Amino acid sequence: MNHPDHHSPTLRPYEIRALASAPLERELLQPNTIGEIPVAMVVASPHQPRLVFNMHRLSELKESIGIQGLIKPIMVRLTAAGYELIGGERRWRAVVALGWETIPAMVREISDAQAMLLAMLDNIDEPLTDYENALAYARILRLGHERSQASLAASLGINKSIVSRCLLLVELPENIQAILREKPGLITANYAKKFIDYTKQDAFVVERVIRSAMTNKDPAKCLGQVATLQLIGQRLSACTQVDSQIRPKRLTGFGTMKIKGQRLEIKCEAGIDPILLQEHFEKFLSQIDPSILRAEHSAKKQE
């Protein structure tokens, strides 16, 4: 015997209620014979939406299963690769860590579309991040397993607005999604649109701020989404001001003018004598009171 006795052929009442908690599950998951299958023959689901597993939570689950046994069997389907997980990957990982040779499993015959939906529903105990949900929603819709966001929401037993808000996250540019694939909880659906708007101005500035402000190894030094968005706004504003100073401005009929720090540069068009232009410019400046410009500059800095 490799683990505590759990050969009961039927599900407990509360397990049946849990399996019937969503519309799709009521349709697909009926109580079935539970048998022991070799742990070595179980393969992870290619439809698993979770990008990152919480190792601390897995360690706790391993300890619990080691003491109490596996209360809820995993669900699998038979494929050419072996028994492919449909639900229960965290339990399977814990059992592998415990060194069990067999594991209780319910074998079902279901389609890829059903397997993808059930993989999402299996993560209720430890909810997926909005980005993990977004990737799964997008894949299901892209493959045509659901006709629309509304039908997908109905199959999962959630509001359509949850699906549509999460899907905004997959509209982020690739450099930002690369960060989310490593830390999927950094940006939530509620703030997705604001991040998207900022990336349209400069995706690389947004990336730099997110990496420096939200991914610090010291959690105490990490900023939240609101503070990070404020910082991004400040950086983009500063970049815009610098860019407007450096970019040449057209002086119709005369040439171009460019500001670089405390320097004002004017490049004359062909046919315009720079010496004569300088003389006219000096006459123009003689009519301006420098103290007025200094006062305006001081007032602008205080705004």
Protein backbone atom coordinates (compact mmCIF):
# COMPACT_ATOMS: atom_id res chain seq x y z
CA MET A 1 0.00 0.00 0.00
CA ASN A 2 1.63 3.24 -1.14
CA HIS A 3 -0.83 5.66 0.45
CA PRO A 4 -3.86 5.74 2.74
CA ASP A 5 -6.90 3.68 1.78
CA HIS A 6 -9.08 5.64 -0.68
CA HIS A 7 -10.62 2.98 -2.93
CA SER A 8 -14.22 4.05 -2.44
CA PRO A 9 -16.01 3.50 -5.79
CA THR A 10 -18.31 6.52 -5.45
CA LEU A 11 -17.90 10.21 -4.80
CA ARG A 12 -18.89 11.68 -1.44
CA PRO A 13 -22.03 13.87 -1.49
CA TYR A 14 -20.10 17.11 -1.05
CA GLU A 15 -17.77 16.12 -3.91
CA ILE A 16 -20.74 15.54 -6.21
CA ARG A 17 -22.12 18.97 -5.27
CA ALA A 18 -18.73 20.55 -6.05
CA LEU A 19 -18.57 18.84 -9.43
CA ALA A 20 -22.06 20.13 -10.25
CA SER A 21 -21.35 23.74 -9.26
CA ALA A 22 -21.15 25.16 -12.82
CA PRO A 23 -23.37 24.70 -15.92
CA LEU A 24 -20.72 22.85 -17.92
CA GLU A 25 -19.88 20.53 -15.08
CA ARG A 26 -23.51 19.52 -14.61
CA GLU A 27 -23.50 18.46 -18.26
CA LEU A 28 -20.17 16.60 -18.34
CA LEU A 29 -19.29 15.36 -14.88
CA GLN A 30 -21.51 12.58 -13.63
CA PRO A 31 -20.43 10.30 -10.77
CA ASN A 32 -18.29 7.54 -12.30
CA THR A 33 -16.18 4.61 -11.26
CA ILE A 34 -12.95 5.67 -9.60
CA GLY A 35 -9.90 3.49 -10.19
CA GLU A 36 -6.21 3.50 -9.41
CA ILE A 37 -3.90 4.43 -12.28
CA PRO A 38 -0.07 4.54 -12.36
CA VAL A 39 1.26 7.99 -11.45
CA ALA A 40 4.02 7.55 -14.04
CA MET A 41 1.40 7.28 -16.82
CA VAL A 42 -0.22 10.64 -16.00
CA VAL A 43 0.76 13.58 -18.22
CA ALA A 44 0.04 17.26 -17.65
CA SER A 45 -2.76 18.85 -19.65
CA PRO A 46 -1.71 20.99 -22.64
CA HIS A 47 -4.80 23.05 -21.81
CA GLN A 48 -3.70 23.98 -18.26
CA PRO A 49 -4.29 27.73 -18.03
CA ARG A 50 -2.14 28.25 -14.92
CA LEU A 51 1.22 29.76 -15.83
CA VAL A 52 2.76 29.76 -12.36
CA PHE A 53 2.15 27.32 -9.53
CA ASN A 54 2.43 28.60 -5.95
CA MET A 55 5.12 26.35 -4.49
CA HIS A 56 4.20 27.19 -0.90
CA ARG A 57 0.57 26.21 -1.51
CA LEU A 58 1.72 23.00 -3.22
CA SER A 59 3.88 22.16 -0.23
CA GLU A 60 0.89 22.64 2.08
CA LEU A 61 -1.25 20.42 -0.17
CA LYS A 62 1.45 17.74 -0.20
CA GLU A 63 1.56 17.75 3.61
CA SER A 64 -2.24 17.55 3.85
CA ILE A 65 -2.50 14.66 1.38
CA GLY A 66 0.36 12.88 3.12
CA ILE A 67 -1.62 12.94 6.38
CA GLN A 68 -5.24 12.62 5.25
CA GLY A 69 -4.90 10.89 1.89
CA LEU A 70 -6.35 12.10 -1.40
CA ILE A 71 -9.97 13.04 -0.69
CA LYS A 72 -10.87 14.06 -4.27
CA PRO A 73 -9.64 11.98 -7.26
CA ILE A 74 -8.01 13.54 -10.28
CA MET A 75 -9.82 13.48 -13.62
CA VAL A 76 -8.10 12.20 -16.74
CA ARG A 77 -8.75 11.11 -20.29
CA LEU A 78 -6.89 8.39 -22.16
CA THR A 79 -4.64 9.62 -24.99
CA ALA A 80 -1.71 8.23 -26.97
CA ALA A 81 0.64 9.89 -24.47
CA GLY A 82 -1.02 8.24 -21.47
CA TYR A 83 -3.60 9.49 -18.98
CA GLU A 84 -3.90 13.20 -19.76
CA LEU A 85 -5.01 15.36 -16.86
CA ILE A 86 -8.35 17.10 -17.16
CA GLY A 87 -8.52 18.29 -13.57
CA GLY A 88 -6.42 17.98 -10.44
CA GLU A 89 -2.90 18.94 -11.52
CA ARG A 90 -2.04 20.40 -8.11
CA ARG A 91 -3.14 17.15 -6.44
CA TRP A 92 -1.17 15.10 -8.98
CA ARG A 93 1.97 17.21 -8.40
CA ALA A 94 1.62 16.72 -4.64
CA VAL A 95 1.25 12.96 -5.08
CA VAL A 96 4.32 12.84 -7.34
CA ALA A 97 6.28 14.70 -4.64
CA LEU A 98 5.07 12.16 -2.08
CA GLY A 99 6.40 9.31 -4.23
CA TRP A 100 3.11 7.42 -4.65
CA GLU A 101 3.02 4.82 -7.39
CA THR A 102 -0.73 5.01 -8.07
CA ILE A 103 -3.39 7.69 -7.76
CA PRO A 104 -7.22 7.57 -7.68
CA ALA A 105 -8.63 8.86 -10.94
CA MET A 106 -11.88 9.21 -12.83
CA VAL A 107 -11.39 8.43 -16.50
CA ARG A 108 -13.62 10.39 -18.87
CA GLU A 109 -14.02 10.51 -22.62
CA ILE A 110 -14.30 14.17 -23.56
CA SER A 111 -13.32 16.49 -26.43
CA ASP A 112 -10.51 19.06 -26.49
CA ALA A 113 -13.08 21.82 -26.19
CA GLN A 114 -14.57 20.29 -23.05
CA ALA A 115 -11.09 19.62 -21.65
CA MET A 116 -10.14 23.29 -22.06
CA LEU A 117 -13.24 24.49 -20.21
CA LEU A 118 -12.86 21.94 -17.44
CA ALA A 119 -9.21 22.89 -16.98
CA MET A 120 -10.40 26.40 -16.15
CA LEU A 121 -13.14 25.23 -13.81
CA ASP A 122 -10.65 23.01 -12.00
CA ASN A 123 -8.81 26.08 -10.67
CA ILE A 124 -11.66 27.37 -8.47
CA ASP A 125 -9.91 26.48 -5.19
CA GLU A 126 -6.89 28.61 -6.13
CA PRO A 127 -8.24 31.18 -8.62
CA LEU A 128 -6.38 31.99 -11.80
CA THR A 129 -5.08 35.50 -12.41
CA ASP A 130 -6.92 37.72 -14.87
CA TYR A 131 -4.10 37.29 -17.39
CA GLU A 132 -4.17 33.49 -17.12
CA ASN A 133 -7.93 33.60 -17.65
CA ALA A 134 -7.47 35.98 -20.59
CA LEU A 135 -5.08 33.64 -22.40
CA ALA A 136 -7.47 30.71 -21.89
CA TYR A 137 -10.52 32.72 -23.02
CA ALA A 138 -8.66 33.95 -26.11
CA ARG A 139 -7.56 30.44 -27.06
CA ILE A 140 -11.03 28.94 -26.66
CA LEU A 141 -12.54 31.69 -28.82
CA ARG A 142 -9.73 31.53 -31.40
CA LEU A 143 -10.17 27.78 -31.87
CA GLY A 144 -13.92 28.23 -32.25
CA HIS A 145 -14.80 26.07 -29.24
CA GLU A 146 -17.26 28.80 -28.20
CA ARG A 147 -19.17 31.03 -30.61
CA SER A 148 -18.88 34.24 -28.63
CA GLN A 149 -17.83 35.82 -25.35
CA ALA A 150 -21.41 35.47 -24.16
CA SER A 151 -21.56 31.71 -24.84
CA LEU A 152 -18.15 31.23 -23.21
CA ALA A 153 -19.31 33.11 -20.12
CA ALA A 154 -22.47 31.01 -19.97
CA SER A 155 -20.47 27.77 -20.16
CA LEU A 156 -18.26 28.92 -17.31
CA GLY A 157 -21.14 30.27 -15.24
CA ILE A 158 -19.75 33.83 -15.10
CA ASN A 159 -20.81 37.26 -16.31
CA LYS A 160 -19.86 38.23 -19.88
CA SER A 161 -18.27 41.47 -18.61
CA ILE A 162 -15.66 39.41 -16.74
CA VAL A 163 -14.64 37.72 -20.00
CA SER A 164 -14.52 40.97 -21.98
CA ARG A 165 -12.51 42.83 -19.32
CA CYS A 166 -9.97 40.02 -19.01
CA LEU A 167 -9.53 39.81 -22.77
CA LEU A 168 -8.21 43.39 -22.76
CA LEU A 169 -5.02 42.01 -21.23
CA VAL A 170 -4.13 40.08 -24.40
CA GLU A 171 -4.26 43.41 -26.28
CA LEU A 172 -1.15 44.54 -24.43
CA PRO A 173 1.98 44.56 -26.63
CA GLU A 174 4.25 41.51 -26.61
CA ASN A 175 6.97 43.11 -24.44
CA ILE A 176 4.44 43.68 -21.63
CA GLN A 177 2.85 40.23 -22.02
CA ALA A 178 6.33 38.69 -21.73
CA ILE A 179 6.48 40.14 -18.20
CA LEU A 180 2.99 38.83 -17.41
CA ARG A 181 3.88 35.32 -18.51
CA GLU A 182 6.45 35.30 -15.71
CA LYS A 183 4.34 37.23 -13.19
CA PRO A 184 0.73 36.92 -14.39
CA GLY A 185 -0.76 38.72 -11.39
CA LEU A 186 1.00 42.05 -11.95
CA ILE A 187 -1.77 43.65 -14.02
CA THR A 188 -5.47 42.99 -13.48
CA ALA A 189 -8.38 43.44 -15.86
CA ASN A 190 -9.59 46.59 -14.07
CA TYR A 191 -6.41 48.48 -15.02
CA ALA A 192 -5.75 46.86 -18.40
CA LYS A 193 -7.17 49.71 -20.50
CA LYS A 194 -5.03 52.35 -18.81
CA PHE A 195 -1.87 50.32 -19.37
CA ILE A 196 -2.90 49.75 -23.00
CA ASP A 197 -3.43 53.50 -23.52
CA TYR A 198 0.03 54.25 -22.16
CA THR A 199 1.69 51.57 -24.32
CA LYS A 200 0.24 53.27 -27.38
CA GLN A 201 2.29 56.34 -26.44
CA ASP A 202 5.52 54.42 -25.73
CA ALA A 203 5.48 50.69 -24.97
CA PHE A 204 9.18 50.65 -24.05
CA VAL A 205 8.82 53.35 -21.39
CA VAL A 206 5.90 51.38 -19.93
CA GLU A 207 7.98 48.19 -19.93
CA ARG A 208 10.92 49.86 -18.17
CA VAL A 209 8.71 51.32 -15.46
CA ILE A 210 6.86 48.03 -14.87
CA ARG A 211 10.12 46.09 -14.59
CA SER A 212 11.69 48.61 -12.20
CA ALA A 213 8.60 49.39 -10.12
CA MET A 214 6.63 46.13 -9.99
CA THR A 215 9.16 43.28 -10.22
CA ASN A 216 11.62 44.16 -7.46
CA LYS A 217 12.88 41.08 -5.60
CA ASP A 218 12.01 42.85 -2.35
CA PRO A 219 8.17 42.87 -2.20
CA ALA A 220 8.28 45.88 0.13
CA LYS A 221 9.82 47.95 -2.68
CA CYS A 222 7.27 46.94 -5.32
CA LEU A 223 4.67 49.48 -6.36
CA GLY A 224 1.01 48.63 -6.92
CA GLN A 225 -0.80 49.23 -10.18
CA VAL A 226 -2.11 52.70 -9.28
CA ALA A 227 1.29 54.01 -8.21
CA THR A 228 2.95 52.40 -11.26
CA LEU A 229 0.45 54.03 -13.61
CA GLN A 230 1.13 57.42 -12.00
CA LEU A 231 4.86 56.90 -12.48
CA ILE A 232 4.37 55.86 -16.10
CA GLY A 233 2.31 59.00 -16.69
CA GLN A 234 5.09 61.16 -15.25
CA ARG A 235 7.79 59.47 -17.35
CA LEU A 236 5.77 59.79 -20.54
CA SER A 237 5.06 63.45 -19.81
CA ALA A 238 8.76 64.11 -19.27
CA CYS A 239 9.63 62.30 -22.50
CA THR A 240 7.07 64.38 -24.40
CA GLN A 241 8.54 67.62 -23.07
CA VAL A 242 12.08 66.61 -24.02
CA ASP A 243 10.93 65.41 -27.43
CA SER A 244 9.13 68.70 -28.14
CA GLN A 245 12.32 70.59 -27.26
CA ILE A 246 14.55 68.54 -29.54
CA ARG A 247 12.22 68.22 -32.53
CA PRO A 248 12.77 71.11 -35.02
CA LYS A 249 9.84 73.50 -35.53
CA ARG A 250 9.11 74.93 -38.95
CA LEU A 251 9.39 78.71 -39.35
CA THR A 252 7.49 79.21 -42.58
CA GLY A 253 9.56 81.12 -45.09
CA PHE A 254 12.61 81.36 -42.81
CA GLY A 255 13.76 77.81 -41.96
CA THR A 256 13.60 75.71 -38.79
CA MET A 257 14.09 76.41 -35.08
CA LYS A 258 15.23 73.88 -32.47
CA ILE A 259 15.61 74.13 -28.70
CA LYS A 260 18.34 72.05 -27.00
CA GLY A 261 18.55 72.78 -23.30
CA GLN A 262 19.43 76.48 -22.99
CA ARG A 263 20.31 76.78 -26.68
CA LEU A 264 18.03 78.12 -29.40
CA GLU A 265 19.18 77.10 -32.88
CA ILE A 266 17.80 78.52 -36.13
CA LYS A 267 18.64 77.03 -39.52
CA CYS A 268 17.91 79.37 -42.40
CA GLU A 269 16.36 78.32 -45.69
CA ALA A 270 18.15 78.96 -48.95
CA GLY A 271 17.88 82.64 -49.85
CA ILE A 272 17.67 83.84 -46.24
CA ASP A 273 20.79 85.68 -45.06
CA PRO A 274 21.48 84.55 -41.46
CA ILE A 275 23.26 87.85 -40.64
CA LEU A 276 20.26 89.92 -41.75
CA LEU A 277 17.93 87.58 -39.86
CA GLN A 278 20.07 88.01 -36.73
CA GLU A 279 19.82 91.81 -37.03
CA HIS A 280 16.01 91.63 -37.26
CA PHE A 281 15.92 89.15 -34.40
CA GLU A 282 17.98 91.49 -32.21
CA LYS A 283 15.57 94.35 -32.92
CA PHE A 284 12.65 92.07 -31.99
CA LEU A 285 14.28 90.98 -28.72
CA SER A 286 15.04 94.60 -27.76
CA GLN A 287 11.27 95.13 -27.48
CA ILE A 288 10.86 92.31 -24.91
CA ASP A 289 11.42 92.83 -21.17
CA PRO A 290 13.58 89.86 -19.93
CA SER A 291 12.14 90.18 -16.42
CA ILE A 292 8.69 89.29 -17.77
CA LEU A 293 10.07 86.05 -19.30
CA ARG A 294 11.81 85.16 -16.03
CA ALA A 295 8.59 85.72 -14.07
CA GLU A 296 6.61 83.55 -16.49
CA HIS A 297 9.26 80.81 -16.26
CA SER A 298 9.16 80.88 -12.46
CA ALA A 299 5.35 80.71 -12.41
CA LYS A 300 5.38 77.74 -14.81
CA LYS A 301 7.81 75.80 -12.59
CA GLN A 302 5.49 76.24 -9.60
CA GLU A 303 2.44 74.83 -11.41
